[in-house]
Amino acid sequence: MNSSAKNNVTGVEPGEMEMRGCYYSFGEGKEVLDNVSFKVEKGSFTCLCGPSGCGKTTIINLLAGYTTPDMGECLIDGVPVQGPGADRLVVFQETALLPWMTLWENTIYGPRVQGKDLTGEVADRAEELINMVGLTGFEEKYPSQLSGGMQRRAELVRALINQPKVLLMDEPFRGLDAMTRQIMQEYIIQLFEQTGTTILFVTAELEEAIFVGDVAYFLTARPAMVKKELVINLPRPRKFEHFSSREFVELQREAIETVDEEAQKAFSAFLKAKESKAKQSA
């Protein structure tokens, strides 16, 4: 367990999630997951990496309870996932902020829907989280008045105020420019190290996975299986100086070797599918 979980400022015990022997397909001949098993330890920052189209988003949807595996099971704290729940929240690739609401209104939207008193504890927590991600002073701004990076931070705050046991993040920084992405990495690390919330973070960026994570699972090309578990023993708090450390470079080398073979397989499968489609239309 990450030591920061012991100092959880959200006041919620982090959760543990697990996939056991999960299979999933979109129909005959369209297998997506092939006996996928892995554990997201309580209070850990776990990353999920794999070639494009291998099934990473499918895994997020299964753990979130949006769909169910054909075989196998998904568990939270040892209990089978039966559907969506407030103990698991998803931050998607696309922005999910409500455009007609201010930053403050978006932040407290979850507690409001749950019928909670929006003063006192909820307001204090909202203020704390907004300050934690550097958005103090922007509470009355609408999403359209915020930069892409600020919108991403606002979405993190809107998720965390609901005090989930597990935060599922599906390539949340995809599409951001390099500088904004680096800033977002700093904020997600800060949030994790201060709240201790369990995080499963999907990313296609190997450097990012090594920098933010405690462990990274690497998937094969579709149908996806877990090819490798990489334990990341870099010290916390994480700092950008770690990028130049010998330990980071060695972890990066191991990750690249793991992913390269699967990326080649995925690309070959893409070319074959394209060739087959061309022949059918000829």
C-alpha atoms as a PDB file:
ATOM      1  CA  MET A   1       0.000   0.000   0.000  1.00  0.00           C
ATOM      2  CA  ASN A   2       1.159   3.501  -0.747  1.00  0.00           C
ATOM      3  CA  SER A   3       2.020   5.235   2.515  1.00  0.00           C
ATOM      4  CA  SER A   4       0.012   8.291   1.511  1.00  0.00           C
ATOM      5  CA  ALA A   5      -3.168   6.251   1.965  1.00  0.00           C
ATOM      6  CA  LYS A   6      -2.595   6.484   5.699  1.00  0.00           C
ATOM      7  CA  ASN A   7      -3.039  10.262   5.492  1.00  0.00           C
ATOM      8  CA  ASN A   8      -6.198  10.266   3.390  1.00  0.00           C
ATOM      9  CA  VAL A   9      -7.504  13.839   3.460  1.00  0.00           C
ATOM     10  CA  THR A  10     -10.820  12.774   1.906  1.00  0.00           C
ATOM     11  CA  GLY A  11     -11.676  10.691   4.950  1.00  0.00           C
ATOM     12  CA  VAL A  12     -12.493   7.580   2.881  1.00  0.00           C
ATOM     13  CA  GLU A  13     -10.646   4.279   3.075  1.00  0.00           C
ATOM     14  CA  PRO A  14      -9.287   3.475  -0.398  1.00  0.00           C
ATOM     15  CA  GLY A  15     -10.565   0.361  -2.140  1.00  0.00           C
ATOM     16  CA  GLU A  16      -9.046  -2.624  -3.903  1.00  0.00           C
ATOM     17  CA  MET A  17     -10.136  -3.916  -7.304  1.00  0.00           C
ATOM     18  CA  GLU A  18      -9.419  -7.145  -9.086  1.00  0.00           C
ATOM     19  CA  MET A  19     -10.143  -8.862 -12.393  1.00  0.00           C
ATOM     20  CA  ARG A  20     -10.193 -12.643 -12.289  1.00  0.00           C
ATOM     21  CA  GLY A  21     -10.068 -14.617 -15.528  1.00  0.00           C
ATOM     22  CA  CYS A  22     -12.106 -12.128 -17.542  1.00  0.00           C
ATOM     23  CA  TYR A  23     -13.088 -12.819 -21.132  1.00  0.00           C
ATOM     24  CA  TYR A  24     -14.997 -10.382 -23.300  1.00  0.00           C
ATOM     25  CA  SER A  25     -15.949 -10.178 -26.969  1.00  0.00           C
ATOM     26  CA  PHE A  26     -18.107  -8.094 -29.284  1.00  0.00           C
ATOM     27  CA  GLY A  27     -19.425 -11.237 -30.905  1.00  0.00           C
ATOM     28  CA  GLU A  28     -18.068 -14.335 -32.605  1.00  0.00           C
ATOM     29  CA  GLY A  29     -14.558 -13.788 -33.911  1.00  0.00           C
ATOM     30  CA  LYS A  30     -14.249 -10.393 -32.167  1.00  0.00           C
ATOM     31  CA  GLU A  31     -12.540 -11.346 -28.914  1.00  0.00           C
ATOM     32  CA  VAL A  32     -11.290  -8.392 -26.895  1.00  0.00           C
ATOM     33  CA  LEU A  33     -10.084  -9.855 -23.582  1.00  0.00           C
ATOM     34  CA  ASP A  34      -8.581 -13.308 -23.124  1.00  0.00           C
ATOM     35  CA  ASN A  35      -8.331 -14.470 -19.497  1.00  0.00           C
ATOM     36  CA  VAL A  36      -7.315 -11.086 -18.061  1.00  0.00           C
ATOM     37  CA  SER A  37      -6.385 -11.173 -14.370  1.00  0.00           C
ATOM     38  CA  PHE A  38      -4.738  -8.456 -12.301  1.00  0.00           C
ATOM     39  CA  LYS A  39      -5.154  -6.631  -8.999  1.00  0.00           C
ATOM     40  CA  VAL A  40      -5.265  -2.920  -8.192  1.00  0.00           C
ATOM     41  CA  GLU A  41      -3.918  -2.821  -4.655  1.00  0.00           C
ATOM     42  CA  LYS A  42      -5.569  -0.636  -2.037  1.00  0.00           C
ATOM     43  CA  GLY A  43      -4.045   2.849  -1.970  1.00  0.00           C
ATOM     44  CA  SER A  44      -1.891   2.208  -5.059  1.00  0.00           C
ATOM     45  CA  PHE A  45      -1.419   4.113  -8.304  1.00  0.00           C
ATOM     46  CA  THR A  46      -1.714   1.358 -10.908  1.00  0.00           C
ATOM     47  CA  CYS A  47      -1.181   1.959 -14.622  1.00  0.00           C
ATOM     48  CA  LEU A  48      -2.547  -0.043 -17.543  1.00  0.00           C
ATOM     49  CA  CYS A  49      -0.623   0.089 -20.812  1.00  0.00           C
ATOM     50  CA  GLY A  50      -1.056  -1.608 -24.167  1.00  0.00           C
ATOM     51  CA  PRO A  51      -1.266  -1.050 -27.921  1.00  0.00           C
ATOM     52  CA  SER A  52      -4.124   0.963 -29.374  1.00  0.00           C
ATOM     53  CA  GLY A  53      -7.354  -0.999 -29.618  1.00  0.00           C
ATOM     54  CA  CYS A  54      -6.238  -3.820 -27.326  1.00  0.00           C
ATOM     55  CA  GLY A  55      -9.115  -3.430 -24.859  1.00  0.00           C
ATOM     56  CA  LYS A  56      -7.976  -0.952 -22.201  1.00  0.00           C
ATOM     57  CA  THR A  57     -11.224   1.021 -22.293  1.00  0.00           C
ATOM     58  CA  THR A  58     -13.173  -2.237 -22.180  1.00  0.00           C
ATOM     59  CA  ILE A  59     -11.389  -3.082 -18.926  1.00  0.00           C
ATOM     60  CA  ILE A  60     -12.343   0.306 -17.471  1.00  0.00           C
ATOM     61  CA  ASN A  61     -15.976  -0.247 -18.474  1.00  0.00           C
ATOM     62  CA  LEU A  62     -16.004  -3.692 -16.859  1.00  0.00           C
ATOM     63  CA  LEU A  63     -14.495  -2.463 -13.596  1.00  0.00           C
ATOM     64  CA  ALA A  64     -16.876   0.512 -13.565  1.00  0.00           C
ATOM     65  CA  GLY A  65     -19.796  -1.883 -13.930  1.00  0.00           C
ATOM     66  CA  TYR A  66     -21.019  -0.417 -17.222  1.00  0.00           C
ATOM     67  CA  THR A  67     -20.858  -3.890 -18.776  1.00  0.00           C
ATOM     68  CA  THR A  68     -20.162  -7.435 -17.632  1.00  0.00           C
ATOM     69  CA  PRO A  69     -17.549  -9.985 -18.746  1.00  0.00           C
ATOM     70  CA  ASP A  70     -18.552 -13.029 -20.791  1.00  0.00           C
ATOM     71  CA  MET A  71     -16.620 -15.112 -18.262  1.00  0.00           C
ATOM     72  CA  GLY A  72     -14.737 -14.265 -15.091  1.00  0.00           C
ATOM     73  CA  GLU A  73     -15.489 -11.594 -12.527  1.00  0.00           C
ATOM     74  CA  CYS A  74     -14.593  -8.090 -11.409  1.00  0.00           C
ATOM     75  CA  LEU A  75     -14.327  -7.430  -7.684  1.00  0.00           C
ATOM     76  CA  ILE A  76     -14.147  -4.414  -5.417  1.00  0.00           C
ATOM     77  CA  ASP A  77     -12.923  -5.169  -1.911  1.00  0.00           C
ATOM     78  CA  GLY A  78     -13.597  -8.840  -2.644  1.00  0.00           C
ATOM     79  CA  VAL A  79     -17.247  -8.283  -3.609  1.00  0.00           C
ATOM     80  CA  PRO A  80     -18.399  -8.882  -7.224  1.00  0.00           C
ATOM     81  CA  VAL A  81     -19.201  -5.727  -9.187  1.00  0.00           C
ATOM     82  CA  GLN A  82     -22.928  -5.763  -9.970  1.00  0.00           C
ATOM     83  CA  GLY A  83     -23.147  -2.440 -11.787  1.00  0.00           C
ATOM     84  CA  PRO A  84     -22.039   1.192 -11.531  1.00  0.00           C
ATOM     85  CA  GLY A  85     -21.489   2.492  -8.017  1.00  0.00           C
ATOM     86  CA  ALA A  86     -20.368   5.604  -6.170  1.00  0.00           C
ATOM     87  CA  ASP A  87     -17.391   3.655  -4.819  1.00  0.00           C
ATOM     88  CA  ARG A  88     -15.916   3.686  -8.356  1.00  0.00           C
ATOM     89  CA  LEU A  89     -15.821   6.785 -10.547  1.00  0.00           C
ATOM     90  CA  VAL A  90     -14.482   7.195 -14.074  1.00  0.00           C
ATOM     91  CA  VAL A  91     -12.609  10.132 -15.580  1.00  0.00           C
ATOM     92  CA  PHE A  92     -12.976   9.743 -19.354  1.00  0.00           C
ATOM     93  CA  GLN A  93     -10.844  10.880 -22.283  1.00  0.00           C
ATOM     94  CA  GLU A  94     -13.440  13.484 -23.241  1.00  0.00           C
ATOM     95  CA  THR A  95     -14.486  16.346 -21.005  1.00  0.00           C
ATOM     96  CA  ALA A  96     -17.623  15.604 -18.982  1.00  0.00           C
ATOM     97  CA  LEU A  97     -18.094  19.000 -17.337  1.00  0.00           C
ATOM     98  CA  LEU A  98     -21.592  20.426 -17.690  1.00  0.00           C
ATOM     99  CA  PRO A  99     -21.127  23.547 -19.858  1.00  0.00           C
ATOM    100  CA  TRP A 100     -24.017  25.508 -18.291  1.00  0.00           C
ATOM    101  CA  MET A 101     -22.571  25.156 -14.789  1.00  0.00           C
ATOM    102  CA  THR A 102     -19.707  27.078 -13.209  1.00  0.00           C
ATOM    103  CA  LEU A 103     -16.626  25.340 -11.855  1.00  0.00           C
ATOM    104  CA  TRP A 104     -18.109  25.479  -8.348  1.00  0.00           C
ATOM    105  CA  GLU A 105     -21.472  24.104  -9.503  1.00  0.00           C
ATOM    106  CA  ASN A 106     -19.747  21.295 -11.419  1.00  0.00           C
ATOM    107  CA  THR A 107     -17.645  20.482  -8.363  1.00  0.00           C
ATOM    108  CA  ILE A 108     -20.607  20.045  -6.009  1.00  0.00           C
ATOM    109  CA  TYR A 109     -22.851  18.409  -8.614  1.00  0.00           C
ATOM    110  CA  GLY A 110     -22.360  14.878  -7.237  1.00  0.00           C
ATOM    111  CA  PRO A 111     -23.191  15.743  -3.616  1.00  0.00           C
ATOM    112  CA  ARG A 112     -26.189  17.795  -4.827  1.00  0.00           C
ATOM    113  CA  VAL A 113     -27.600  14.845  -6.801  1.00  0.00           C
ATOM    114  CA  GLN A 114     -27.113  12.682  -3.703  1.00  0.00           C
ATOM    115  CA  GLY A 115     -29.185  15.158  -1.707  1.00  0.00           C
ATOM    116  CA  LYS A 116     -26.376  16.154   0.632  1.00  0.00           C
ATOM    117  CA  ASP A 117     -26.156  19.435   2.492  1.00  0.00           C
ATOM    118  CA  LEU A 118     -24.008  21.615   0.227  1.00  0.00           C
ATOM    119  CA  THR A 119     -22.773  23.780   3.077  1.00  0.00           C
ATOM    120  CA  GLY A 120     -20.380  22.844   5.827  1.00  0.00           C
ATOM    121  CA  GLU A 121     -18.373  19.691   5.081  1.00  0.00           C
ATOM    122  CA  VAL A 122     -19.159  19.528   1.354  1.00  0.00           C
ATOM    123  CA  ALA A 123     -18.284  23.188   0.793  1.00  0.00           C
ATOM    124  CA  ASP A 124     -15.091  22.836   2.817  1.00  0.00           C
ATOM    125  CA  ARG A 125     -14.049  19.764   0.843  1.00  0.00           C
ATOM    126  CA  ALA A 126     -14.812  21.482  -2.471  1.00  0.00           C
ATOM    127  CA  GLU A 127     -12.736  24.483  -1.471  1.00  0.00           C
ATOM    128  CA  GLU A 128      -9.878  22.239  -0.338  1.00  0.00           C
ATOM    129  CA  LEU A 129      -9.816  20.245  -3.574  1.00  0.00           C
ATOM    130  CA  ILE A 130     -10.113  23.308  -5.817  1.00  0.00           C
ATOM    131  CA  ASN A 131      -7.205  24.874  -3.986  1.00  0.00           C
ATOM    132  CA  MET A 132      -5.222  21.627  -4.209  1.00  0.00           C
ATOM    133  CA  VAL A 133      -5.340  21.703  -8.031  1.00  0.00           C
ATOM    134  CA  GLY A 134      -4.629  25.423  -8.312  1.00  0.00           C
ATOM    135  CA  LEU A 135      -8.088  26.586  -9.429  1.00  0.00           C
ATOM    136  CA  THR A 136      -8.834  28.966  -6.574  1.00  0.00           C
ATOM    137  CA  GLY A 137     -10.289  32.155  -8.049  1.00  0.00           C
ATOM    138  CA  PHE A 138     -11.937  30.345 -10.974  1.00  0.00           C
ATOM    139  CA  GLU A 139     -14.969  29.057  -9.081  1.00  0.00           C
ATOM    140  CA  GLU A 140     -17.442  31.230 -11.015  1.00  0.00           C
ATOM    141  CA  LYS A 141     -15.971  30.489 -14.440  1.00  0.00           C
ATOM    142  CA  TYR A 142     -17.736  28.238 -16.938  1.00  0.00           C
ATOM    143  CA  PRO A 143     -15.945  25.336 -18.672  1.00  0.00           C
ATOM    144  CA  SER A 144     -15.659  27.312 -21.899  1.00  0.00           C
ATOM    145  CA  GLN A 145     -13.681  29.935 -19.971  1.00  0.00           C
ATOM    146  CA  LEU A 146     -11.143  27.371 -18.752  1.00  0.00           C
ATOM    147  CA  SER A 147      -8.144  25.973 -20.636  1.00  0.00           C
ATOM    148  CA  GLY A 148      -7.978  22.275 -21.507  1.00  0.00           C
ATOM    149  CA  GLY A 149      -5.675  21.569 -18.574  1.00  0.00           C
ATOM    150  CA  MET A 150      -7.909  23.488 -16.180  1.00  0.00           C
ATOM    151  CA  GLN A 151     -10.924  21.505 -17.368  1.00  0.00           C
ATOM    152  CA  ARG A 152      -9.043  18.260 -16.682  1.00  0.00           C
ATOM    153  CA  ARG A 153      -8.219  19.462 -13.169  1.00  0.00           C
ATOM    154  CA  ALA A 154     -11.844  20.467 -12.627  1.00  0.00           C
ATOM    155  CA  GLU A 155     -12.952  16.956 -13.611  1.00  0.00           C
ATOM    156  CA  LEU A 156     -10.560  15.416 -11.094  1.00  0.00           C
ATOM    157  CA  VAL A 157     -12.013  17.635  -8.377  1.00  0.00           C
ATOM    158  CA  ARG A 158     -15.580  16.787  -9.401  1.00  0.00           C
ATOM    159  CA  ALA A 159     -14.756  13.074  -9.116  1.00  0.00           C
ATOM    160  CA  LEU A 160     -12.817  13.233  -5.854  1.00  0.00           C
ATOM    161  CA  ILE A 161     -15.440  15.260  -3.976  1.00  0.00           C
ATOM    162  CA  ASN A 162     -17.661  12.167  -4.203  1.00  0.00           C
ATOM    163  CA  GLN A 163     -15.028  10.324  -2.145  1.00  0.00           C
ATOM    164  CA  PRO A 164     -14.740   7.230  -4.353  1.00  0.00           C
ATOM    165  CA  LYS A 165     -12.778   4.253  -3.112  1.00  0.00           C
ATOM    166  CA  VAL A 166     -11.297   3.826  -6.600  1.00  0.00           C
ATOM    167  CA  LEU A 167     -10.732   6.375  -9.370  1.00  0.00           C
ATOM    168  CA  LEU A 168     -10.684   4.861 -12.874  1.00  0.00           C
ATOM    169  CA  MET A 169      -8.943   7.120 -15.389  1.00  0.00           C
ATOM    170  CA  ASP A 170      -9.153   6.313 -19.115  1.00  0.00           C
ATOM    171  CA  GLU A 171      -6.295   8.203 -20.818  1.00  0.00           C
ATOM    172  CA  PRO A 172      -7.434  11.455 -19.162  1.00  0.00           C
ATOM    173  CA  PHE A 173      -4.554  13.525 -20.553  1.00  0.00           C
ATOM    174  CA  ARG A 174      -4.919  12.372 -24.148  1.00  0.00           C
ATOM    175  CA  GLY A 175      -4.854  15.254 -26.617  1.00  0.00           C
ATOM    176  CA  LEU A 176      -3.159  17.718 -24.280  1.00  0.00           C
ATOM    177  CA  ASP A 177       0.003  19.454 -25.443  1.00  0.00           C
ATOM    178  CA  ALA A 178       3.286  18.320 -23.881  1.00  0.00           C
ATOM    179  CA  MET A 179       3.571  21.209 -21.413  1.00  0.00           C
ATOM    180  CA  THR A 180      -0.047  20.911 -20.208  1.00  0.00           C
ATOM    181  CA  ARG A 181       0.336  17.142 -19.921  1.00  0.00           C
ATOM    182  CA  GLN A 182       3.395  17.610 -17.709  1.00  0.00           C
ATOM    183  CA  ILE A 183       1.454  20.014 -15.491  1.00  0.00           C
ATOM    184  CA  MET A 184      -1.401  17.510 -15.237  1.00  0.00           C
ATOM    185  CA  GLN A 185       1.037  14.771 -14.243  1.00  0.00           C
ATOM    186  CA  GLU A 186       2.192  16.995 -11.398  1.00  0.00           C
ATOM    187  CA  TYR A 187      -1.390  17.571 -10.250  1.00  0.00           C
ATOM    188  CA  ILE A 188      -2.496  13.928 -10.397  1.00  0.00           C
ATOM    189  CA  ILE A 189       0.594  12.896  -8.422  1.00  0.00           C
ATOM    190  CA  GLN A 190      -0.104  15.634  -5.874  1.00  0.00           C
ATOM    191  CA  LEU A 191      -3.734  14.542  -5.536  1.00  0.00           C
ATOM    192  CA  PHE A 192      -2.780  10.898  -5.167  1.00  0.00           C
ATOM    193  CA  GLU A 193      -0.031  11.505  -2.628  1.00  0.00           C
ATOM    194  CA  GLN A 194      -2.297  13.748  -0.539  1.00  0.00           C
ATOM    195  CA  THR A 195      -5.558  11.795  -0.737  1.00  0.00           C
ATOM    196  CA  GLY A 196      -4.363   8.186  -0.944  1.00  0.00           C
ATOM    197  CA  THR A 197      -7.233   7.360  -3.338  1.00  0.00           C
ATOM    198  CA  THR A 198      -6.721   4.114  -5.240  1.00  0.00           C
ATOM    199  CA  ILE A 199      -6.163   4.929  -8.928  1.00  0.00           C
ATOM    200  CA  LEU A 200      -6.215   2.808 -12.069  1.00  0.00           C
ATOM    201  CA  PHE A 201      -4.722   4.965 -14.808  1.00  0.00           C
ATOM    202  CA  VAL A 202      -4.843   3.998 -18.493  1.00  0.00           C
ATOM    203  CA  THR A 203      -2.120   5.554 -20.611  1.00  0.00           C
ATOM    204  CA  ALA A 204      -0.339   4.874 -23.890  1.00  0.00           C
ATOM    205  CA  GLU A 205       2.671   6.914 -22.725  1.00  0.00           C
ATOM    206  CA  LEU A 206       5.332   4.682 -21.159  1.00  0.00           C
ATOM    207  CA  GLU A 207       7.246   7.550 -19.546  1.00  0.00           C
ATOM    208  CA  GLU A 208       4.029   8.754 -17.961  1.00  0.00           C
ATOM    209  CA  ALA A 209       3.192   5.321 -16.563  1.00  0.00           C
ATOM    210  CA  ILE A 210       6.625   4.967 -14.976  1.00  0.00           C
ATOM    211  CA  PHE A 211       6.599   8.499 -13.601  1.00  0.00           C
ATOM    212  CA  VAL A 212       3.193   8.399 -11.912  1.00  0.00           C
ATOM    213  CA  GLY A 213       2.678   4.729 -11.104  1.00  0.00           C
ATOM    214  CA  ASP A 214       3.534   2.224  -8.379  1.00  0.00           C
ATOM    215  CA  VAL A 215       2.984  -0.668 -10.768  1.00  0.00           C
ATOM    216  CA  ALA A 216       2.208  -0.976 -14.482  1.00  0.00           C
ATOM    217  CA  TYR A 217       0.454  -3.848 -16.222  1.00  0.00           C
ATOM    218  CA  PHE A 218       1.270  -4.307 -19.911  1.00  0.00           C
ATOM    219  CA  LEU A 219      -1.326  -5.884 -22.187  1.00  0.00           C
ATOM    220  CA  THR A 220      -0.810  -7.863 -25.381  1.00  0.00           C
ATOM    221  CA  ALA A 221      -2.394  -6.960 -28.697  1.00  0.00           C
ATOM    222  CA  ARG A 222      -6.054  -7.953 -28.971  1.00  0.00           C
ATOM    223  CA  PRO A 223      -7.351 -10.222 -27.625  1.00  0.00           C
ATOM    224  CA  ALA A 224      -5.639  -8.729 -24.606  1.00  0.00           C
ATOM    225  CA  MET A 225      -3.866 -10.703 -21.921  1.00  0.00           C
ATOM    226  CA  VAL A 226      -1.599  -9.376 -19.194  1.00  0.00           C
ATOM    227  CA  LYS A 227       1.890  -9.840 -20.578  1.00  0.00           C
ATOM    228  CA  LYS A 228       3.926  -8.285 -17.793  1.00  0.00           C
ATOM    229  CA  GLU A 229       3.672  -6.651 -14.379  1.00  0.00           C
ATOM    230  CA  LEU A 230       6.287  -3.946 -13.848  1.00  0.00           C
ATOM    231  CA  VAL A 231       6.836  -2.820 -10.258  1.00  0.00           C
ATOM    232  CA  ILE A 232       7.978   0.820 -10.106  1.00  0.00           C
ATOM    233  CA  ASN A 233      10.075   1.379  -7.016  1.00  0.00           C
ATOM    234  CA  LEU A 234      10.845   5.057  -7.535  1.00  0.00           C
ATOM    235  CA  PRO A 235      10.576   7.051  -4.286  1.00  0.00           C
ATOM    236  CA  ARG A 236       7.684   9.341  -3.455  1.00  0.00           C
ATOM    237  CA  PRO A 237       7.011  12.190  -3.607  1.00  0.00           C
ATOM    238  CA  ARG A 238       7.725  11.930  -7.327  1.00  0.00           C
ATOM    239  CA  LYS A 239       9.807  14.681  -8.883  1.00  0.00           C
ATOM    240  CA  PHE A 240      10.813  15.375 -12.467  1.00  0.00           C
ATOM    241  CA  GLU A 241      14.449  14.757 -11.540  1.00  0.00           C
ATOM    242  CA  HIS A 242      13.494  11.074 -11.512  1.00  0.00           C
ATOM    243  CA  PHE A 243      13.329  11.149 -15.326  1.00  0.00           C
ATOM    244  CA  SER A 244      17.124  11.272 -15.480  1.00  0.00           C
ATOM    245  CA  SER A 245      17.763   8.674 -12.786  1.00  0.00           C
ATOM    246  CA  ARG A 246      19.376   5.341 -13.612  1.00  0.00           C
ATOM    247  CA  GLU A 247      16.375   3.519 -12.123  1.00  0.00           C
ATOM    248  CA  PHE A 248      13.932   5.402 -14.368  1.00  0.00           C
ATOM    249  CA  VAL A 249      15.966   4.724 -17.509  1.00  0.00           C
ATOM    250  CA  GLU A 250      16.170   1.020 -16.705  1.00  0.00           C
ATOM    251  CA  LEU A 251      12.411   0.804 -16.087  1.00  0.00           C
ATOM    252  CA  GLN A 252      11.782   2.650 -19.342  1.00  0.00           C
ATOM    253  CA  ARG A 253      14.014   0.237 -21.261  1.00  0.00           C
ATOM    254  CA  GLU A 254      12.142  -2.746 -19.815  1.00  0.00           C
ATOM    255  CA  ALA A 255       8.788  -1.157 -20.686  1.00  0.00           C
ATOM    256  CA  ILE A 256       9.813  -0.394 -24.269  1.00  0.00           C
ATOM    257  CA  GLU A 257      11.003  -3.958 -24.817  1.00  0.00           C
ATOM    258  CA  THR A 258       7.700  -5.276 -23.471  1.00  0.00           C
ATOM    259  CA  VAL A 259       5.511  -3.016 -25.594  1.00  0.00           C
ATOM    260  CA  ASP A 260       7.453  -3.083 -28.868  1.00  0.00           C
ATOM    261  CA  GLU A 261       6.589  -6.668 -29.783  1.00  0.00           C
ATOM    262  CA  GLU A 262       2.891  -6.112 -29.101  1.00  0.00           C
ATOM    263  CA  ALA A 263       2.832  -2.862 -31.056  1.00  0.00           C
ATOM    264  CA  GLN A 264       4.283  -4.702 -34.065  1.00  0.00           C
ATOM    265  CA  LYS A 265       1.592  -7.384 -33.751  1.00  0.00           C
ATOM    266  CA  ALA A 266      -1.153  -4.760 -33.534  1.00  0.00           C
ATOM    267  CA  PHE A 267       0.181  -2.940 -36.599  1.00  0.00           C
ATOM    268  CA  SER A 268       0.399  -6.192 -38.598  1.00  0.00           C
ATOM    269  CA  ALA A 269      -3.191  -7.036 -37.646  1.00  0.00           C
ATOM    270  CA  PHE A 270      -4.277  -3.561 -38.780  1.00  0.00           C
ATOM    271  CA  LEU A 271      -2.581  -3.984 -42.165  1.00  0.00           C
ATOM    272  CA  LYS A 272      -4.136  -7.419 -42.678  1.00  0.00           C
ATOM    273  CA  ALA A 273      -7.596  -6.091 -41.834  1.00  0.00           C
ATOM    274  CA  LYS A 274      -7.117  -3.172 -44.213  1.00  0.00           C
ATOM    275  CA  GLU A 275      -5.952  -5.494 -47.000  1.00  0.00           C
ATOM    276  CA  SER A 276      -8.884  -7.838 -46.419  1.00  0.00           C
ATOM    277  CA  LYS A 277     -11.349  -4.952 -46.551  1.00  0.00           C
ATOM    278  CA  ALA A 278      -9.801  -3.697 -49.782  1.00  0.00           C
ATOM    279  CA  LYS A 279     -10.178  -7.126 -51.394  1.00  0.00           C
ATOM    280  CA  GLN A 280     -13.819  -7.382 -50.332  1.00  0.00           C
ATOM    281  CA  SER A 281     -14.659  -3.989 -51.813  1.00  0.00           C
ATOM    282  CA  ALA A 282     -12.756  -4.677 -55.049  1.00  0.00           C
END
